[in-house]
Amino acid sequence: MRGFGDLEAEIMDRLWSWGRAATAREIVDDLQLRRPLAYTTVTTVADILHTKGWLRREKVGRAWVYEPTCTREAYTAQLMHQALETTSDRAGALLHFVDRMSGDEASALRAALEQVKERDTP
């Protein structure tokens, strides 16, 4: 799995931030507040994200309405798993990763590990 391209990331970011489905027109209008973009460019990239499985879409009237198929957190976790798969020394990679964490991030990791431990304990 590769990360998103620039426009793919911007589209996904909008949809994740809004927490709702949106039409291509809504996405274009918001993106155009920062830079000029053609409607067809955004619809093409949204269709590519749909084909890749990152967006689901539904026809409402004449417009497609797009919605992410996963959360931003699930996507980030997939990227992290992919990065770990590139090394034969996962423990070493995790050690380097944890070593660069802030105190708040380390606390969040501890809490997540506790949740998994509790979930897996019968």
PDB file of N, CA and C in Angstrom:
ATOM      1  N   MET A   1       0.841  -1.181   0.000  1.00  0.00           N
ATOM      2  CA  MET A   1       0.000   0.000   0.000  1.00  0.00           C
ATOM      3  C   MET A   1       0.886   1.245   0.000  1.00  0.00           C
ATOM      4  N   ARG A   2       0.643   2.104  -0.936  1.00  0.00           N
ATOM      5  CA  ARG A   2       1.352   3.378  -0.971  1.00  0.00           C
ATOM      6  C   ARG A   2       0.503   4.437  -0.289  1.00  0.00           C
ATOM      7  N   GLY A   3       1.181   5.468   0.185  1.00  0.00           N
ATOM      8  CA  GLY A   3       0.458   6.600   0.736  1.00  0.00           C
ATOM      9  C   GLY A   3      -0.289   7.318  -0.378  1.00  0.00           C
ATOM     10  N   PHE A   4      -1.122   8.241  -0.012  1.00  0.00           N
ATOM     11  CA  PHE A   4      -1.888   9.000  -0.991  1.00  0.00           C
ATOM     12  C   PHE A   4      -1.019  10.029  -1.692  1.00  0.00           C
ATOM     13  N   GLY A   5      -1.384  10.337  -2.937  1.00  0.00           N
ATOM     14  CA  GLY A   5      -0.798  11.470  -3.619  1.00  0.00           C
ATOM     15  C   GLY A   5      -1.343  12.749  -2.990  1.00  0.00           C
ATOM     16  N   ASP A   6      -0.816  13.892  -3.415  1.00  0.00           N
ATOM     17  CA  ASP A   6      -1.199  15.169  -2.791  1.00  0.00           C
ATOM     18  C   ASP A   6      -2.701  15.437  -2.841  1.00  0.00           C
ATOM     19  N   LEU A   7      -3.293  15.343  -4.022  1.00  0.00           N
ATOM     20  CA  LEU A   7      -4.723  15.644  -4.140  1.00  0.00           C
ATOM     21  C   LEU A   7      -5.560  14.548  -3.481  1.00  0.00           C
ATOM     22  N   GLU A   8      -5.130  13.306  -3.591  1.00  0.00           N
ATOM     23  CA  GLU A   8      -5.830  12.222  -2.895  1.00  0.00           C
ATOM     24  C   GLU A   8      -5.871  12.508  -1.389  1.00  0.00           C
ATOM     25  N   ALA A   9      -4.720  12.905  -0.848  1.00  0.00           N
ATOM     26  CA  ALA A   9      -4.636  13.196   0.585  1.00  0.00           C
ATOM     27  C   ALA A   9      -5.537  14.369   0.961  1.00  0.00           C
ATOM     28  N   GLU A  10      -5.589  15.394   0.123  1.00  0.00           N
ATOM     29  CA  GLU A  10      -6.447  16.546   0.418  1.00  0.00           C
ATOM     30  C   GLU A  10      -7.925  16.157   0.418  1.00  0.00           C
ATOM     31  N   ILE A  11      -8.319  15.334  -0.532  1.00  0.00           N
ATOM     32  CA  ILE A  11      -9.710  14.886  -0.601  1.00  0.00           C
ATOM     33  C   ILE A  11     -10.057  14.047   0.626  1.00  0.00           C
ATOM     34  N   MET A  12      -9.186  13.086   0.944  1.00  0.00           N
ATOM     35  CA  MET A  12      -9.436  12.227   2.109  1.00  0.00           C
ATOM     36  C   MET A  12      -9.456  13.063   3.385  1.00  0.00           C
ATOM     37  N   ASP A  13      -8.544  14.017   3.489  1.00  0.00           N
ATOM     38  CA  ASP A  13      -8.499  14.869   4.682  1.00  0.00           C
ATOM     39  C   ASP A  13      -9.806  15.626   4.868  1.00  0.00           C
ATOM     40  N   ARG A  14     -10.355  16.176   3.775  1.00  0.00           N
ATOM     41  CA  ARG A  14     -11.623  16.906   3.869  1.00  0.00           C
ATOM     42  C   ARG A  14     -12.720  15.974   4.385  1.00  0.00           C
ATOM     43  N   LEU A  15     -12.825  14.811   3.767  1.00  0.00           N
ATOM     44  CA  LEU A  15     -13.901  13.895   4.136  1.00  0.00           C
ATOM     45  C   LEU A  15     -13.742  13.402   5.571  1.00  0.00           C
ATOM     46  N   TRP A  16     -12.521  13.072   5.986  1.00  0.00           N
ATOM     47  CA  TRP A  16     -12.304  12.645   7.369  1.00  0.00           C
ATOM     48  C   TRP A  16     -12.620  13.788   8.337  1.00  0.00           C
ATOM     49  N   SER A  17     -12.204  14.992   8.002  1.00  0.00           N
ATOM     50  CA  SER A  17     -12.447  16.142   8.882  1.00  0.00           C
ATOM     51  C   SER A  17     -13.932  16.445   9.012  1.00  0.00           C
ATOM     52  N   TRP A  18     -14.649  16.355   7.913  1.00  0.00           N
ATOM     53  CA  TRP A  18     -16.076  16.655   7.937  1.00  0.00           C
ATOM     54  C   TRP A  18     -16.871  15.566   8.651  1.00  0.00           C
ATOM     55  N   GLY A  19     -16.386  14.331   8.600  1.00  0.00           N
ATOM     56  CA  GLY A  19     -17.096  13.237   9.257  1.00  0.00           C
ATOM     57  C   GLY A  19     -18.437  12.901   8.619  1.00  0.00           C
ATOM     58  N   ARG A  20     -18.547  13.172   7.345  1.00  0.00           N
ATOM     59  CA  ARG A  20     -19.792  12.899   6.616  1.00  0.00           C
ATOM     60  C   ARG A  20     -19.482  12.701   5.138  1.00  0.00           C
ATOM     61  N   ALA A  21     -20.436  12.145   4.442  1.00  0.00           N
ATOM     62  CA  ALA A  21     -20.301  12.011   2.994  1.00  0.00           C
ATOM     63  C   ALA A  21     -20.452  13.392   2.348  1.00  0.00           C
ATOM     64  N   ALA A  22     -19.864  13.543   1.167  1.00  0.00           N
ATOM     65  CA  ALA A  22     -19.945  14.833   0.469  1.00  0.00           C
ATOM     66  C   ALA A  22     -19.903  14.610  -1.036  1.00  0.00           C
ATOM     67  N   THR A  23     -20.476  15.561  -1.744  1.00  0.00           N
ATOM     68  CA  THR A  23     -20.423  15.523  -3.206  1.00  0.00           C
ATOM     69  C   THR A  23     -19.074  16.048  -3.682  1.00  0.00           C
ATOM     70  N   ALA A  24     -18.764  15.723  -4.913  1.00  0.00           N
ATOM     71  CA  ALA A  24     -17.534  16.251  -5.511  1.00  0.00           C
ATOM     72  C   ALA A  24     -17.578  17.776  -5.541  1.00  0.00           C
ATOM     73  N   ARG A  25     -18.751  18.360  -5.778  1.00  0.00           N
ATOM     74  CA  ARG A  25     -18.886  19.819  -5.815  1.00  0.00           C
ATOM     75  C   ARG A  25     -18.507  20.426  -4.467  1.00  0.00           C
ATOM     76  N   GLU A  26     -18.948  19.821  -3.362  1.00  0.00           N
ATOM     77  CA  GLU A  26     -18.585  20.333  -2.036  1.00  0.00           C
ATOM     78  C   GLU A  26     -17.073  20.270  -1.828  1.00  0.00           C
ATOM     79  N   ILE A  27     -16.475  19.179  -2.264  1.00  0.00           N
ATOM     80  CA  ILE A  27     -15.028  19.013  -2.107  1.00  0.00           C
ATOM     81  C   ILE A  27     -14.288  20.052  -2.946  1.00  0.00           C
ATOM     82  N   VAL A  28     -14.712  20.206  -4.200  1.00  0.00           N
ATOM     83  CA  VAL A  28     -14.083  21.183  -5.094  1.00  0.00           C
ATOM     84  C   VAL A  28     -14.198  22.590  -4.513  1.00  0.00           C
ATOM     85  N   ASP A  29     -15.380  22.952  -4.083  1.00  0.00           N
ATOM     86  CA  ASP A  29     -15.595  24.300  -3.541  1.00  0.00           C
ATOM     87  C   ASP A  29     -14.675  24.563  -2.359  1.00  0.00           C
ATOM     88  N   ASP A  30     -14.483  23.569  -1.489  1.00  0.00           N
ATOM     89  CA  ASP A  30     -13.607  23.757  -0.340  1.00  0.00           C
ATOM     90  C   ASP A  30     -12.137  23.828  -0.764  1.00  0.00           C
ATOM     91  N   LEU A  31     -11.735  22.957  -1.671  1.00  0.00           N
ATOM     92  CA  LEU A  31     -10.347  22.974  -2.130  1.00  0.00           C
ATOM     93  C   LEU A  31     -10.007  24.268  -2.862  1.00  0.00           C
ATOM     94  N   GLN A  32     -10.978  24.816  -3.562  1.00  0.00           N
ATOM     95  CA  GLN A  32     -10.725  26.040  -4.326  1.00  0.00           C
ATOM     96  C   GLN A  32     -10.534  27.261  -3.434  1.00  0.00           C
ATOM     97  N   LEU A  33     -10.809  27.141  -2.166  1.00  0.00           N
ATOM     98  CA  LEU A  33     -10.520  28.244  -1.246  1.00  0.00           C
ATOM     99  C   LEU A  33      -9.014  28.443  -1.114  1.00  0.00           C
ATOM    100  N   ARG A  34      -8.242  27.413  -1.418  1.00  0.00           N
ATOM    101  CA  ARG A  34      -6.781  27.484  -1.297  1.00  0.00           C
ATOM    102  C   ARG A  34      -6.054  27.558  -2.636  1.00  0.00           C
ATOM    103  N   ARG A  35      -6.644  26.910  -3.662  1.00  0.00           N
ATOM    104  CA  ARG A  35      -5.991  26.917  -4.976  1.00  0.00           C
ATOM    105  C   ARG A  35      -7.007  26.550  -6.043  1.00  0.00           C
ATOM    106  N   PRO A  36      -6.786  26.999  -7.260  1.00  0.00           N
ATOM    107  CA  PRO A  36      -7.733  26.676  -8.329  1.00  0.00           C
ATOM    108  C   PRO A  36      -7.614  25.205  -8.731  1.00  0.00           C
ATOM    109  N   LEU A  37      -8.746  24.554  -8.846  1.00  0.00           N
ATOM    110  CA  LEU A  37      -8.806  23.154  -9.278  1.00  0.00           C
ATOM    111  C   LEU A  37     -10.028  22.973 -10.154  1.00  0.00           C
ATOM    112  N   ALA A  38      -9.885  22.184 -11.188  1.00  0.00           N
ATOM    113  CA  ALA A  38     -11.021  21.885 -12.051  1.00  0.00           C
ATOM    114  C   ALA A  38     -11.905  20.833 -11.397  1.00  0.00           C
ATOM    115  N   TYR A  39     -13.186  20.973 -11.581  1.00  0.00           N
ATOM    116  CA  TYR A  39     -14.149  19.999 -11.069  1.00  0.00           C
ATOM    117  C   TYR A  39     -13.812  18.604 -11.585  1.00  0.00           C
ATOM    118  N   THR A  40     -13.483  18.512 -12.861  1.00  0.00           N
ATOM    119  CA  THR A  40     -13.193  17.197 -13.454  1.00  0.00           C
ATOM    120  C   THR A  40     -11.947  16.555 -12.847  1.00  0.00           C
ATOM    121  N   THR A  41     -10.989  17.370 -12.442  1.00  0.00           N
ATOM    122  CA  THR A  41      -9.783  16.832 -11.796  1.00  0.00           C
ATOM    123  C   THR A  41     -10.155  16.170 -10.477  1.00  0.00           C
ATOM    124  N   VAL A  42     -10.975  16.843  -9.702  1.00  0.00           N
ATOM    125  CA  VAL A  42     -11.377  16.306  -8.399  1.00  0.00           C
ATOM    126  C   VAL A  42     -12.241  15.065  -8.574  1.00  0.00           C
ATOM    127  N   THR A  43     -13.171  15.077  -9.526  1.00  0.00           N
ATOM    128  CA  THR A  43     -14.010  13.897  -9.727  1.00  0.00           C
ATOM    129  C   THR A  43     -13.185  12.716 -10.214  1.00  0.00           C
ATOM    130  N   THR A  44     -12.188  12.972 -11.053  1.00  0.00           N
ATOM    131  CA  THR A  44     -11.318  11.885 -11.516  1.00  0.00           C
ATOM    132  C   THR A  44     -10.548  11.276 -10.355  1.00  0.00           C
ATOM    133  N   VAL A  45      -9.994  12.110  -9.489  1.00  0.00           N
ATOM    134  CA  VAL A  45      -9.223  11.603  -8.348  1.00  0.00           C
ATOM    135  C   VAL A  45     -10.149  10.899  -7.353  1.00  0.00           C
ATOM    136  N   ALA A  46     -11.342  11.426  -7.143  1.00  0.00           N
ATOM    137  CA  ALA A  46     -12.309  10.754  -6.261  1.00  0.00           C
ATOM    138  C   ALA A  46     -12.681   9.386  -6.830  1.00  0.00           C
ATOM    139  N   ASP A  47     -12.847   9.305  -8.141  1.00  0.00           N
ATOM    140  CA  ASP A  47     -13.145   8.013  -8.772  1.00  0.00           C
ATOM    141  C   ASP A  47     -11.976   7.035  -8.613  1.00  0.00           C
ATOM    142  N   ILE A  48     -10.762   7.538  -8.710  1.00  0.00           N
ATOM    143  CA  ILE A  48      -9.582   6.688  -8.502  1.00  0.00           C
ATOM    144  C   ILE A  48      -9.568   6.177  -7.059  1.00  0.00           C
ATOM    145  N   LEU A  49      -9.850   7.055  -6.096  1.00  0.00           N
ATOM    146  CA  LEU A  49      -9.913   6.633  -4.688  1.00  0.00           C
ATOM    147  C   LEU A  49     -11.017   5.595  -4.479  1.00  0.00           C
ATOM    148  N   HIS A  50     -12.116   5.734  -5.193  1.00  0.00           N
ATOM    149  CA  HIS A  50     -13.192   4.736  -5.131  1.00  0.00           C
ATOM    150  C   HIS A  50     -12.712   3.404  -5.706  1.00  0.00           C
ATOM    151  N   THR A  51     -12.053   3.440  -6.843  1.00  0.00           N
ATOM    152  CA  THR A  51     -11.542   2.218  -7.474  1.00  0.00           C
ATOM    153  C   THR A  51     -10.524   1.519  -6.579  1.00  0.00           C
ATOM    154  N   LYS A  52      -9.711   2.306  -5.886  1.00  0.00           N
ATOM    155  CA  LYS A  52      -8.705   1.743  -4.967  1.00  0.00           C
ATOM    156  C   LYS A  52      -9.332   1.218  -3.675  1.00  0.00           C
ATOM    157  N   GLY A  53     -10.602   1.523  -3.446  1.00  0.00           N
ATOM    158  CA  GLY A  53     -11.293   1.048  -2.256  1.00  0.00           C
ATOM    159  C   GLY A  53     -11.251   1.989  -1.067  1.00  0.00           C
ATOM    160  N   TRP A  54     -10.756   3.208  -1.242  1.00  0.00           N
ATOM    161  CA  TRP A  54     -10.671   4.169  -0.138  1.00  0.00           C
ATOM    162  C   TRP A  54     -11.954   4.958   0.053  1.00  0.00           C
ATOM    163  N   LEU A  55     -12.749   5.068  -1.009  1.00  0.00           N
ATOM    164  CA  LEU A  55     -14.031   5.776  -0.928  1.00  0.00           C
ATOM    165  C   LEU A  55     -15.140   4.864  -1.419  1.00  0.00           C
ATOM    166  N   ARG A  56     -16.306   4.987  -0.795  1.00  0.00           N
ATOM    167  CA  ARG A  56     -17.506   4.378  -1.362  1.00  0.00           C
ATOM    168  C   ARG A  56     -18.313   5.544  -1.923  1.00  0.00           C
ATOM    169  N   ARG A  57     -19.144   5.250  -2.877  1.00  0.00           N
ATOM    170  CA  ARG A  57     -19.936   6.323  -3.466  1.00  0.00           C
ATOM    171  C   ARG A  57     -21.356   5.847  -3.714  1.00  0.00           C
ATOM    172  N   GLU A  58     -22.240   6.813  -3.722  1.00  0.00           N
ATOM    173  CA  GLU A  58     -23.654   6.542  -3.948  1.00  0.00           C
ATOM    174  C   GLU A  58     -24.203   7.662  -4.818  1.00  0.00           C
ATOM    175  N   LYS A  59     -25.005   7.295  -5.767  1.00  0.00           N
ATOM    176  CA  LYS A  59     -25.614   8.286  -6.655  1.00  0.00           C
ATOM    177  C   LYS A  59     -26.812   8.908  -5.946  1.00  0.00           C
ATOM    178  N   VAL A  60     -26.784  10.222  -5.810  1.00  0.00           N
ATOM    179  CA  VAL A  60     -27.899  10.973  -5.221  1.00  0.00           C
ATOM    180  C   VAL A  60     -28.301  12.008  -6.267  1.00  0.00           C
ATOM    181  N   GLY A  61     -29.444  11.782  -6.875  1.00  0.00           N
ATOM    182  CA  GLY A  61     -29.831  12.643  -7.990  1.00  0.00           C
ATOM    183  C   GLY A  61     -28.855  12.413  -9.138  1.00  0.00           C
ATOM    184  N   ARG A  62     -28.234  13.488  -9.591  1.00  0.00           N
ATOM    185  CA  ARG A  62     -27.252  13.364 -10.670  1.00  0.00           C
ATOM    186  C   ARG A  62     -25.820  13.345 -10.158  1.00  0.00           C
ATOM    187  N   ALA A  63     -25.646  13.514  -8.863  1.00  0.00           N
ATOM    188  CA  ALA A  63     -24.292  13.639  -8.301  1.00  0.00           C
ATOM    189  C   ALA A  63     -23.889  12.376  -7.533  1.00  0.00           C
ATOM    190  N   TRP A  64     -22.584  12.108  -7.542  1.00  0.00           N
ATOM    191  CA  TRP A  64     -22.024  11.064  -6.692  1.00  0.00           C
ATOM    192  C   TRP A  64     -21.713  11.677  -5.332  1.00  0.00           C
ATOM    193  N   VAL A  65     -22.021  10.927  -4.283  1.00  0.00           N
ATOM    194  CA  VAL A  65     -21.694  11.332  -2.926  1.00  0.00           C
ATOM    195  C   VAL A  65     -20.634  10.351  -2.432  1.00  0.00           C
ATOM    196  N   TYR A  66     -19.524  10.904  -1.950  1.00  0.00           N
ATOM    197  CA  TYR A  66     -18.369  10.096  -1.553  1.00  0.00           C
ATOM    198  C   TYR A  66     -18.221  10.057  -0.041  1.00  0.00           C
ATOM    199  N   GLU A  67     -17.734   8.908   0.449  1.00  0.00           N
ATOM    200  CA  GLU A  67     -17.528   8.712   1.881  1.00  0.00           C
ATOM    201  C   GLU A  67     -16.341   7.759   2.075  1.00  0.00           C
ATOM    202  N   PRO A  68     -15.458   8.047   3.014  1.00  0.00           N
ATOM    203  CA  PRO A  68     -14.316   7.153   3.252  1.00  0.00           C
ATOM    204  C   PRO A  68     -14.770   5.764   3.701  1.00  0.00           C
ATOM    205  N   THR A  69     -14.006   4.748   3.311  1.00  0.00           N
ATOM    206  CA  THR A  69     -14.317   3.376   3.719  1.00  0.00           C
ATOM    207  C   THR A  69     -13.638   3.010   5.036  1.00  0.00           C
ATOM    208  N   CYS A  70     -12.727   3.863   5.500  1.00  0.00           N
ATOM    209  CA  CYS A  70     -12.069   3.617   6.789  1.00  0.00           C
ATOM    210  C   CYS A  70     -11.789   4.965   7.452  1.00  0.00           C
ATOM    211  N   THR A  71     -11.449   4.917   8.717  1.00  0.00           N
ATOM    212  CA  THR A  71     -11.116   6.138   9.440  1.00  0.00           C
ATOM    213  C   THR A  71      -9.686   6.558   9.139  1.00  0.00           C
ATOM    214  N   ARG A  72      -9.382   7.785   9.472  1.00  0.00           N
ATOM    215  CA  ARG A  72      -8.008   8.281   9.335  1.00  0.00           C
ATOM    216  C   ARG A  72      -7.063   7.435  10.193  1.00  0.00           C
ATOM    217  N   GLU A  73      -7.531   7.052  11.390  1.00  0.00           N
ATOM    218  CA  GLU A  73      -6.700   6.261  12.300  1.00  0.00           C
ATOM    219  C   GLU A  73      -6.425   4.871  11.735  1.00  0.00           C
ATOM    220  N   ALA A  74      -7.432   4.256  11.114  1.00  0.00           N
ATOM    221  CA  ALA A  74      -7.228   2.933  10.505  1.00  0.00           C
ATOM    222  C   ALA A  74      -6.242   3.030   9.334  1.00  0.00           C
ATOM    223  N   TYR A  75      -6.345   4.089   8.543  1.00  0.00           N
ATOM    224  CA  TYR A  75      -5.407   4.301   7.434  1.00  0.00           C
ATOM    225  C   TYR A  75      -3.987   4.467   7.965  1.00  0.00           C
ATOM    226  N   THR A  76      -3.820   5.274   9.005  1.00  0.00           N
ATOM    227  CA  THR A  76      -2.494   5.487   9.600  1.00  0.00           C
ATOM    228  C   THR A  76      -1.933   4.173  10.119  1.00  0.00           C
ATOM    229  N   ALA A  77      -2.771   3.383  10.770  1.00  0.00           N
ATOM    230  CA  ALA A  77      -2.322   2.083  11.282  1.00  0.00           C
ATOM    231  C   ALA A  77      -1.856   1.179  10.147  1.00  0.00           C
ATOM    232  N   GLN A  78      -2.567   1.213   9.013  1.00  0.00           N
ATOM    233  CA  GLN A  78      -2.152   0.406   7.859  1.00  0.00           C
ATOM    234  C   GLN A  78      -0.786   0.848   7.347  1.00  0.00           C
ATOM    235  N   LEU A  79      -0.548   2.158   7.304  1.00  0.00           N
ATOM    236  CA  LEU A  79       0.764   2.662   6.885  1.00  0.00           C
ATOM    237  C   LEU A  79       1.856   2.211   7.848  1.00  0.00           C
ATOM    238  N   MET A  80       1.554   2.228   9.145  1.00  0.00           N
ATOM    239  CA  MET A  80       2.535   1.811  10.148  1.00  0.00           C
ATOM    240  C   MET A  80       2.861   0.317  10.002  1.00  0.00           C
ATOM    241  N   HIS A  81       1.823  -0.494   9.772  1.00  0.00           N
ATOM    242  CA  HIS A  81       2.054  -1.930   9.557  1.00  0.00           C
ATOM    243  C   HIS A  81       2.898  -2.160   8.300  1.00  0.00           C
ATOM    244  N   GLN A  82       2.594  -1.417   7.264  1.00  0.00           N
ATOM    245  CA  GLN A  82       3.356  -1.548   6.023  1.00  0.00           C
ATOM    246  C   GLN A  82       4.821  -1.195   6.251  1.00  0.00           C
ATOM    247  N   ALA A  83       5.068  -0.145   7.005  1.00  0.00           N
ATOM    248  CA  ALA A  83       6.451   0.257   7.292  1.00  0.00           C
ATOM    249  C   ALA A  83       7.164  -0.832   8.084  1.00  0.00           C
ATOM    250  N   LEU A  84       6.492  -1.447   9.036  1.00  0.00           N
ATOM    251  CA  LEU A  84       7.115  -2.514   9.829  1.00  0.00           C
ATOM    252  C   LEU A  84       7.461  -3.731   8.979  1.00  0.00           C
ATOM    253  N   GLU A  85       6.674  -3.965   7.941  1.00  0.00           N
ATOM    254  CA  GLU A  85       6.923  -5.117   7.072  1.00  0.00           C
ATOM    255  C   GLU A  85       8.186  -4.952   6.226  1.00  0.00           C
ATOM    256  N   THR A  86       8.769  -3.763   6.194  1.00  0.00           N
ATOM    257  CA  THR A  86       9.952  -3.541   5.362  1.00  0.00           C
ATOM    258  C   THR A  86      11.248  -3.918   6.066  1.00  0.00           C
ATOM    259  N   THR A  87      11.176  -4.338   7.342  1.00  0.00           N
ATOM    260  CA  THR A  87      12.387  -4.678   8.083  1.00  0.00           C
ATOM    261  C   THR A  87      12.281  -6.087   8.653  1.00  0.00           C
ATOM    262  N   SER A  88      13.422  -6.741   8.776  1.00  0.00           N
ATOM    263  CA  SER A  88      13.435  -8.055   9.422  1.00  0.00           C
ATOM    264  C   SER A  88      13.582  -7.905  10.932  1.00  0.00           C
ATOM    265  N   ASP A  89      13.937  -6.707  11.396  1.00  0.00           N
ATOM    266  CA  ASP A  89      14.104  -6.448  12.829  1.00  0.00           C
ATOM    267  C   ASP A  89      12.987  -5.517  13.312  1.00  0.00           C
ATOM    268  N   ARG A  90      11.786  -6.074  13.441  1.00  0.00           N
ATOM    269  CA  ARG A  90      10.641  -5.266  13.856  1.00  0.00           C
ATOM    270  C   ARG A  90      10.835  -4.705  15.256  1.00  0.00           C
ATOM    271  N   ALA A  91      11.429  -5.492  16.148  1.00  0.00           N
ATOM    272  CA  ALA A  91      11.657  -5.007  17.516  1.00  0.00           C
ATOM    273  C   ALA A  91      12.573  -3.789  17.499  1.00  0.00           C
ATOM    274  N   GLY A  92      13.614  -3.829  16.672  1.00  0.00           N
ATOM    275  CA  GLY A  92      14.523  -2.691  16.559  1.00  0.00           C
ATOM    276  C   GLY A  92      13.828  -1.468  15.989  1.00  0.00           C
ATOM    277  N   ALA A  93      12.996  -1.681  14.976  1.00  0.00           N
ATOM    278  CA  ALA A  93      12.264  -0.568  14.376  1.00  0.00           C
ATOM    279  C   ALA A  93      11.302   0.038  15.390  1.00  0.00           C
ATOM    280  N   LEU A  94      10.613  -0.813  16.143  1.00  0.00           N
ATOM    281  CA  LEU A  94       9.689  -0.318  17.160  1.00  0.00           C
ATOM    282  C   LEU A  94      10.432   0.449  18.247  1.00  0.00           C
ATOM    283  N   LEU A  95      11.611  -0.034  18.614  1.00  0.00           N
ATOM    284  CA  LEU A  95      12.404   0.660  19.626  1.00  0.00           C
ATOM    285  C   LEU A  95      12.768   2.067  19.150  1.00  0.00           C
ATOM    286  N   HIS A  96      13.211   2.172  17.911  1.00  0.00           N
ATOM    287  CA  HIS A  96      13.531   3.503  17.361  1.00  0.00           C
ATOM    288  C   HIS A  96      12.295   4.386  17.298  1.00  0.00           C
ATOM    289  N   PHE A  97      11.162   3.790  16.937  1.00  0.00           N
ATOM    290  CA  PHE A  97       9.909   4.541  16.850  1.00  0.00           C
ATOM    291  C   PHE A  97       9.512   5.074  18.227  1.00  0.00           C
ATOM    292  N   VAL A  98       9.519   4.203  19.218  1.00  0.00           N
ATOM    293  CA  VAL A  98       9.122   4.589  20.575  1.00  0.00           C
ATOM    294  C   VAL A  98      10.092   5.606  21.163  1.00  0.00           C
ATOM    295  N   ASP A  99      11.363   5.470  20.833  1.00  0.00           N
ATOM    296  CA  ASP A  99      12.379   6.380  21.356  1.00  0.00           C
ATOM    297  C   ASP A  99      12.128   7.829  20.919  1.00  0.00           C
ATOM    298  N   ARG A 100      11.451   8.006  19.794  1.00  0.00           N
ATOM    299  CA  ARG A 100      11.199   9.351  19.279  1.00  0.00           C
ATOM    300  C   ARG A 100       9.829   9.895  19.683  1.00  0.00           C
ATOM    301  N   MET A 101       9.085   9.143  20.488  1.00  0.00           N
ATOM    302  CA  MET A 101       7.750   9.578  20.905  1.00  0.00           C
ATOM    303  C   MET A 101       7.820  10.637  21.993  1.00  0.00           C
ATOM    304  N   SER A 102       6.807  11.489  21.994  1.00  0.00           N
ATOM    305  CA  SER A 102       6.656  12.446  23.096  1.00  0.00           C
ATOM    306  C   SER A 102       6.071  11.701  24.296  1.00  0.00           C
ATOM    307  N   GLY A 103       6.063  12.342  25.426  1.00  0.00           N
ATOM    308  CA  GLY A 103       5.479  11.735  26.617  1.00  0.00           C
ATOM    309  C   GLY A 103       4.000  11.417  26.437  1.00  0.00           C
ATOM    310  N   ASP A 104       3.270  12.333  25.793  1.00  0.00           N
ATOM    311  CA  ASP A 104       1.839  12.107  25.547  1.00  0.00           C
ATOM    312  C   ASP A 104       1.626  10.924  24.604  1.00  0.00           C
ATOM    313  N   GLU A 105       2.462  10.812  23.575  1.00  0.00           N
ATOM    314  CA  GLU A 105       2.336   9.687  22.646  1.00  0.00           C
ATOM    315  C   GLU A 105       2.654   8.369  23.345  1.00  0.00           C
ATOM    316  N   ALA A 106       3.671   8.369  24.206  1.00  0.00           N
ATOM    317  CA  ALA A 106       4.022   7.156  24.950  1.00  0.00           C
ATOM    318  C   ALA A 106       2.874   6.752  25.876  1.00  0.00           C
ATOM    319  N   SER A 107       2.249   7.723  26.521  1.00  0.00           N
ATOM    320  CA  SER A 107       1.098   7.429  27.387  1.00  0.00           C
ATOM    321  C   SER A 107      -0.055   6.843  26.576  1.00  0.00           C
ATOM    322  N   ALA A 108      -0.291   7.393  25.415  1.00  0.00           N
ATOM    323  CA  ALA A 108      -1.361   6.878  24.550  1.00  0.00           C
ATOM    324  C   ALA A 108      -1.047   5.450  24.104  1.00  0.00           C
ATOM    325  N   LEU A 109       0.222   5.173  23.813  1.00  0.00           N
ATOM    326  CA  LEU A 109       0.622   3.817  23.429  1.00  0.00           C
ATOM    327  C   LEU A 109       0.406   2.843  24.588  1.00  0.00           C
ATOM    328  N   ARG A 110       0.805   3.247  25.791  1.00  0.00           N
ATOM    329  CA  ARG A 110       0.588   2.388  26.965  1.00  0.00           C
ATOM    330  C   ARG A 110      -0.904   2.092  27.158  1.00  0.00           C
ATOM    331  N   ALA A 111      -1.727   3.108  27.018  1.00  0.00           N
ATOM    332  CA  ALA A 111      -3.175   2.926  27.173  1.00  0.00           C
ATOM    333  C   ALA A 111      -3.726   1.981  26.104  1.00  0.00           C
ATOM    334  N   ALA A 112      -3.244   2.125  24.873  1.00  0.00           N
ATOM    335  CA  ALA A 112      -3.692   1.246  23.786  1.00  0.00           C
ATOM    336  C   ALA A 112      -3.275  -0.199  24.059  1.00  0.00           C
ATOM    337  N   LEU A 113      -2.050  -0.400  24.530  1.00  0.00           N
ATOM    338  CA  LEU A 113      -1.578  -1.747  24.842  1.00  0.00           C
ATOM    339  C   LEU A 113      -2.399  -2.360  25.977  1.00  0.00           C
ATOM    340  N   GLU A 114      -2.786  -1.558  26.942  1.00  0.00           N
ATOM    341  CA  GLU A 114      -3.626  -2.039  28.052  1.00  0.00           C
ATOM    342  C   GLU A 114      -5.000  -2.464  27.528  1.00  0.00           C
ATOM    343  N   GLN A 115      -5.565  -1.676  26.628  1.00  0.00           N
ATOM    344  CA  GLN A 115      -6.874  -2.024  26.052  1.00  0.00           C
ATOM    345  C   GLN A 115      -6.806  -3.356  25.310  1.00  0.00           C
ATOM    346  N   VAL A 116      -5.739  -3.553  24.537  1.00  0.00           N
ATOM    347  CA  VAL A 116      -5.575  -4.806  23.802  1.00  0.00           C
ATOM    348  C   VAL A 116      -5.397  -5.966  24.776  1.00  0.00           C
ATOM    349  N   LYS A 117      -4.612  -5.750  25.805  1.00  0.00           N
ATOM    350  CA  LYS A 117      -4.374  -6.795  26.816  1.00  0.00           C
ATOM    351  C   LYS A 117      -5.684  -7.182  27.494  1.00  0.00           C
ATOM    352  N   GLU A 118      -6.480  -6.191  27.886  1.00  0.00           N
ATOM    353  CA  GLU A 118      -7.775  -6.466  28.527  1.00  0.00           C
ATOM    354  C   GLU A 118      -8.733  -7.171  27.588  1.00  0.00           C
ATOM    355  N   ARG A 119      -8.728  -6.777  26.332  1.00  0.00           N
ATOM    356  CA  ARG A 119      -9.612  -7.390  25.335  1.00  0.00           C
ATOM    357  C   ARG A 119      -9.239  -8.840  25.096  1.00  0.00           C
ATOM    358  N   ASP A 120      -7.927  -9.133  25.104  1.00  0.00           N
ATOM    359  CA  ASP A 120      -7.458 -10.484  24.815  1.00  0.00           C
ATOM    360  C   ASP A 120      -7.444 -11.405  26.017  1.00  0.00           C
ATOM    361  N   THR A 121      -7.664 -10.853  27.222  1.00  0.00           N
ATOM    362  CA  THR A 121      -7.667 -11.668  28.428  1.00  0.00           C
ATOM    363  C   THR A 121      -9.087 -12.210  28.640  1.00  0.00           C
ATOM    364  N   PRO A 122      -9.214 -13.556  28.715  1.00  0.00           N
ATOM    365  CA  PRO A 122     -10.562 -14.135  28.875  1.00  0.00           C
ATOM    366  C   PRO A 122     -11.142 -13.885  30.244  1.00  0.00           C
TER     367      PRO A 122
END
